[in-house]
């Protein structure tokens, strides 16, 4: 694992990112102490999303976007109830 100081990391960020994209890991240190690590991005594995899979299972009230009750609206606006 390669280690660079903060100044070198700022100066050579594009080059370091290229190395990381090829699988390398880079530690960034300040005053010789590690503060960050650049590692290759890994796309999370998981279940693929399927649009509409909850169709018919969720109900939204007809007044969902209607006006709020006055006391609740006052709370959002920072007014005393």
N, C-alpha and C. Protein backbone atom coordinates (compact mmCIF):
# COMPACT_ATOMS: atom_id res chain seq x y z
N UNK A 1 0.85 -1.17 0.00
CA UNK A 1 0.00 0.00 0.00
C UNK A 1 0.90 1.24 0.00
N UNK A 2 0.61 2.14 -0.88
CA UNK A 2 1.38 3.37 -1.03
C UNK A 2 0.91 4.41 -0.02
N UNK A 3 1.85 5.22 0.50
CA UNK A 3 1.51 6.28 1.43
C UNK A 3 2.06 7.60 0.90
N UNK A 4 1.22 8.64 0.93
CA UNK A 4 1.64 9.97 0.47
C UNK A 4 1.19 11.00 1.49
N UNK A 5 1.88 12.15 1.50
CA UNK A 5 1.44 13.21 2.40
C UNK A 5 0.33 14.02 1.74
N UNK A 6 -0.33 14.86 2.50
CA UNK A 6 -1.49 15.62 2.01
C UNK A 6 -1.10 16.50 0.83
N UNK A 7 0.02 17.18 0.90
CA UNK A 7 0.45 18.06 -0.20
C UNK A 7 0.64 17.26 -1.49
N UNK A 8 1.31 16.12 -1.39
CA UNK A 8 1.53 15.28 -2.58
C UNK A 8 0.20 14.77 -3.12
N UNK A 9 -0.73 14.42 -2.22
CA UNK A 9 -2.03 13.93 -2.65
C UNK A 9 -2.80 15.01 -3.42
N UNK A 10 -2.74 16.27 -2.92
CA UNK A 10 -3.43 17.35 -3.62
C UNK A 10 -2.78 17.62 -4.97
N UNK A 11 -1.46 17.59 -5.00
CA UNK A 11 -0.73 17.88 -6.24
C UNK A 11 -0.94 16.80 -7.29
N UNK A 12 -1.03 15.55 -6.87
CA UNK A 12 -1.08 14.42 -7.80
C UNK A 12 -2.38 13.63 -7.72
N UNK A 13 -3.48 14.29 -7.38
CA UNK A 13 -4.73 13.57 -7.18
C UNK A 13 -5.15 12.76 -8.41
N UNK A 14 -5.06 13.34 -9.60
CA UNK A 14 -5.47 12.61 -10.81
C UNK A 14 -4.65 11.34 -10.99
N UNK A 15 -3.35 11.44 -10.78
CA UNK A 15 -2.48 10.26 -10.93
C UNK A 15 -2.83 9.21 -9.86
N UNK A 16 -3.06 9.66 -8.63
CA UNK A 16 -3.41 8.72 -7.57
C UNK A 16 -4.74 8.04 -7.86
N UNK A 17 -5.71 8.79 -8.36
CA UNK A 17 -7.00 8.20 -8.70
C UNK A 17 -6.85 7.15 -9.81
N UNK A 18 -5.97 7.41 -10.75
CA UNK A 18 -5.73 6.43 -11.82
C UNK A 18 -5.14 5.15 -11.22
N UNK A 19 -4.19 5.29 -10.30
CA UNK A 19 -3.62 4.11 -9.66
C UNK A 19 -4.68 3.34 -8.88
N UNK A 20 -5.52 4.07 -8.16
CA UNK A 20 -6.58 3.43 -7.39
C UNK A 20 -7.57 2.71 -8.30
N UNK A 21 -7.88 3.32 -9.44
CA UNK A 21 -8.83 2.68 -10.36
C UNK A 21 -8.26 1.38 -10.93
N UNK A 22 -6.93 1.22 -10.86
CA UNK A 22 -6.29 -0.01 -11.32
C UNK A 22 -6.15 -1.04 -10.19
N UNK A 23 -6.68 -0.70 -9.00
CA UNK A 23 -6.69 -1.66 -7.90
C UNK A 23 -5.77 -1.32 -6.74
N UNK A 24 -4.97 -0.28 -6.84
CA UNK A 24 -4.05 0.08 -5.75
C UNK A 24 -4.80 0.75 -4.61
N UNK A 25 -4.21 0.73 -3.43
CA UNK A 25 -4.73 1.47 -2.29
C UNK A 25 -3.68 2.49 -1.89
N UNK A 26 -4.13 3.69 -1.53
CA UNK A 26 -3.22 4.78 -1.17
C UNK A 26 -3.64 5.34 0.18
N UNK A 27 -2.68 5.46 1.08
CA UNK A 27 -2.92 6.08 2.37
C UNK A 27 -2.44 7.52 2.31
N UNK A 28 -3.25 8.44 2.80
CA UNK A 28 -2.87 9.85 2.85
C UNK A 28 -2.56 10.17 4.31
N UNK A 29 -1.36 10.75 4.52
CA UNK A 29 -0.91 11.02 5.88
C UNK A 29 -0.66 12.50 6.09
N UNK A 30 -0.88 12.94 7.32
CA UNK A 30 -0.56 14.32 7.72
C UNK A 30 0.44 14.19 8.86
N UNK A 31 1.60 14.80 8.69
CA UNK A 31 2.68 14.73 9.69
C UNK A 31 3.04 13.28 9.99
N UNK A 32 3.00 12.44 8.95
CA UNK A 32 3.39 11.04 9.11
C UNK A 32 2.33 10.13 9.70
N UNK A 33 1.16 10.69 10.05
CA UNK A 33 0.09 9.88 10.62
C UNK A 33 -1.04 9.71 9.61
N UNK A 34 -1.47 8.49 9.35
CA UNK A 34 -2.54 8.25 8.37
C UNK A 34 -3.82 8.96 8.76
N UNK A 35 -4.45 9.62 7.78
CA UNK A 35 -5.72 10.30 8.03
C UNK A 35 -6.81 9.85 7.07
N UNK A 36 -6.43 9.26 5.94
CA UNK A 36 -7.44 8.82 4.97
C UNK A 36 -6.84 7.72 4.11
N UNK A 37 -7.74 6.99 3.44
CA UNK A 37 -7.30 5.93 2.55
C UNK A 37 -8.12 5.99 1.27
N UNK A 38 -7.45 5.98 0.12
CA UNK A 38 -8.13 5.91 -1.17
C UNK A 38 -8.16 4.44 -1.58
N UNK A 39 -9.34 3.94 -1.84
CA UNK A 39 -9.50 2.55 -2.26
C UNK A 39 -10.41 2.51 -3.48
N UNK A 40 -10.30 1.47 -4.30
CA UNK A 40 -11.17 1.37 -5.47
C UNK A 40 -12.64 1.29 -5.05
N UNK A 41 -13.49 1.92 -5.81
CA UNK A 41 -14.93 1.88 -5.56
C UNK A 41 -15.46 0.51 -5.94
N UNK A 42 -16.26 -0.07 -5.06
CA UNK A 42 -16.89 -1.35 -5.36
C UNK A 42 -18.40 -1.15 -5.37
N UNK A 43 -18.98 -1.45 -6.51
CA UNK A 43 -20.43 -1.31 -6.63
C UNK A 43 -21.08 -2.34 -5.70
N UNK A 44 -22.00 -1.89 -4.85
CA UNK A 44 -22.63 -2.81 -3.91
C UNK A 44 -23.39 -3.92 -4.65
N UNK A 45 -23.17 -5.12 -4.18
CA UNK A 45 -23.93 -6.25 -4.73
C UNK A 45 -25.27 -6.28 -4.02
N UNK A 46 -26.27 -6.71 -4.70
CA UNK A 46 -27.56 -6.78 -4.04
C UNK A 46 -28.65 -7.09 -5.02
N UNK A 47 -29.82 -7.02 -4.52
CA UNK A 47 -31.00 -7.30 -5.32
C UNK A 47 -31.22 -6.15 -6.28
N UNK A 48 -31.46 -6.48 -7.52
CA UNK A 48 -31.76 -5.43 -8.50
C UNK A 48 -33.16 -4.89 -8.22
N UNK A 49 -33.25 -3.57 -8.36
CA UNK A 49 -34.54 -2.93 -8.16
C UNK A 49 -35.43 -3.19 -9.37
N UNK A 50 -36.68 -3.46 -9.08
CA UNK A 50 -37.65 -3.70 -10.14
C UNK A 50 -38.73 -2.62 -10.01
N UNK A 51 -38.80 -1.70 -10.96
CA UNK A 51 -39.81 -0.64 -10.87
C UNK A 51 -41.22 -1.21 -10.78
N UNK A 52 -41.99 -0.66 -9.87
CA UNK A 52 -43.39 -1.05 -9.74
C UNK A 52 -43.63 -2.30 -8.92
N UNK A 53 -42.62 -2.83 -8.21
CA UNK A 53 -42.83 -4.09 -7.51
C UNK A 53 -43.79 -3.95 -6.32
N UNK A 54 -44.05 -2.74 -5.86
CA UNK A 54 -45.01 -2.53 -4.77
C UNK A 54 -46.37 -2.04 -5.28
N UNK A 55 -46.57 -2.09 -6.58
CA UNK A 55 -47.84 -1.63 -7.14
C UNK A 55 -48.99 -2.40 -6.50
N UNK A 56 -49.99 -1.64 -6.03
CA UNK A 56 -51.15 -2.24 -5.41
C UNK A 56 -50.96 -2.53 -3.93
N UNK A 57 -49.77 -2.36 -3.39
CA UNK A 57 -49.51 -2.66 -1.98
C UNK A 57 -49.41 -1.39 -1.13
N UNK A 58 -49.30 -0.23 -1.76
CA UNK A 58 -49.18 1.02 -1.04
C UNK A 58 -50.35 1.91 -1.42
N UNK A 59 -50.95 2.54 -0.41
CA UNK A 59 -52.06 3.44 -0.66
C UNK A 59 -51.69 4.82 -0.14
N UNK A 60 -51.89 5.83 -0.94
CA UNK A 60 -51.64 7.21 -0.55
C UNK A 60 -52.99 7.90 -0.43
N UNK A 61 -53.21 8.53 0.72
CA UNK A 61 -54.50 9.17 0.99
C UNK A 61 -54.78 10.26 -0.05
N UNK A 62 -56.05 10.46 -0.34
CA UNK A 62 -56.44 11.47 -1.32
C UNK A 62 -56.00 12.88 -0.90
N UNK A 63 -55.95 13.13 0.42
CA UNK A 63 -55.58 14.46 0.89
C UNK A 63 -54.09 14.54 1.28
N UNK A 64 -53.27 13.66 0.75
CA UNK A 64 -51.84 13.59 1.09
C UNK A 64 -51.16 14.95 0.97
N UNK A 65 -51.42 15.66 -0.09
CA UNK A 65 -50.75 16.96 -0.28
C UNK A 65 -51.69 18.14 0.01
N UNK A 66 -52.71 17.88 0.80
CA UNK A 66 -53.64 18.95 1.18
C UNK A 66 -53.04 19.83 2.27
N UNK A 67 -53.73 20.89 2.62
CA UNK A 67 -53.23 21.80 3.65
C UNK A 67 -53.11 21.10 5.00
N UNK A 68 -52.13 21.52 5.79
CA UNK A 68 -51.93 20.97 7.13
C UNK A 68 -52.90 21.64 8.09
N UNK A 69 -53.22 20.96 9.20
CA UNK A 69 -54.03 21.61 10.24
C UNK A 69 -53.26 22.84 10.75
N UNK A 70 -53.97 23.90 11.14
CA UNK A 70 -53.31 25.15 11.55
C UNK A 70 -52.24 24.98 12.62
N UNK A 71 -52.48 24.14 13.65
CA UNK A 71 -51.50 23.98 14.72
C UNK A 71 -50.22 23.30 14.22
N UNK A 72 -50.35 22.34 13.33
CA UNK A 72 -49.18 21.66 12.78
C UNK A 72 -48.41 22.60 11.84
N UNK A 73 -49.13 23.37 11.04
CA UNK A 73 -48.50 24.35 10.15
C UNK A 73 -47.71 25.37 10.96
N UNK A 74 -48.30 25.83 12.08
CA UNK A 74 -47.62 26.79 12.95
C UNK A 74 -46.34 26.21 13.50
N UNK A 75 -46.33 24.94 13.85
CA UNK A 75 -45.13 24.28 14.35
C UNK A 75 -44.01 24.27 13.32
N UNK A 76 -44.34 24.04 12.06
CA UNK A 76 -43.34 24.05 11.00
C UNK A 76 -42.78 25.44 10.75
N UNK A 77 -43.62 26.44 10.99
CA UNK A 77 -43.20 27.81 10.75
C UNK A 77 -42.53 28.42 11.96
N UNK A 78 -42.40 27.66 13.05
CA UNK A 78 -41.71 28.15 14.23
C UNK A 78 -42.57 29.00 15.13
N UNK A 79 -43.85 29.06 14.85
CA UNK A 79 -44.75 29.85 15.70
C UNK A 79 -45.16 29.03 16.89
N UNK A 80 -45.49 29.70 17.99
CA UNK A 80 -46.00 29.00 19.17
C UNK A 80 -47.42 28.55 18.91
N UNK A 81 -47.76 27.38 19.45
CA UNK A 81 -49.12 26.86 19.26
C UNK A 81 -50.08 27.53 20.17
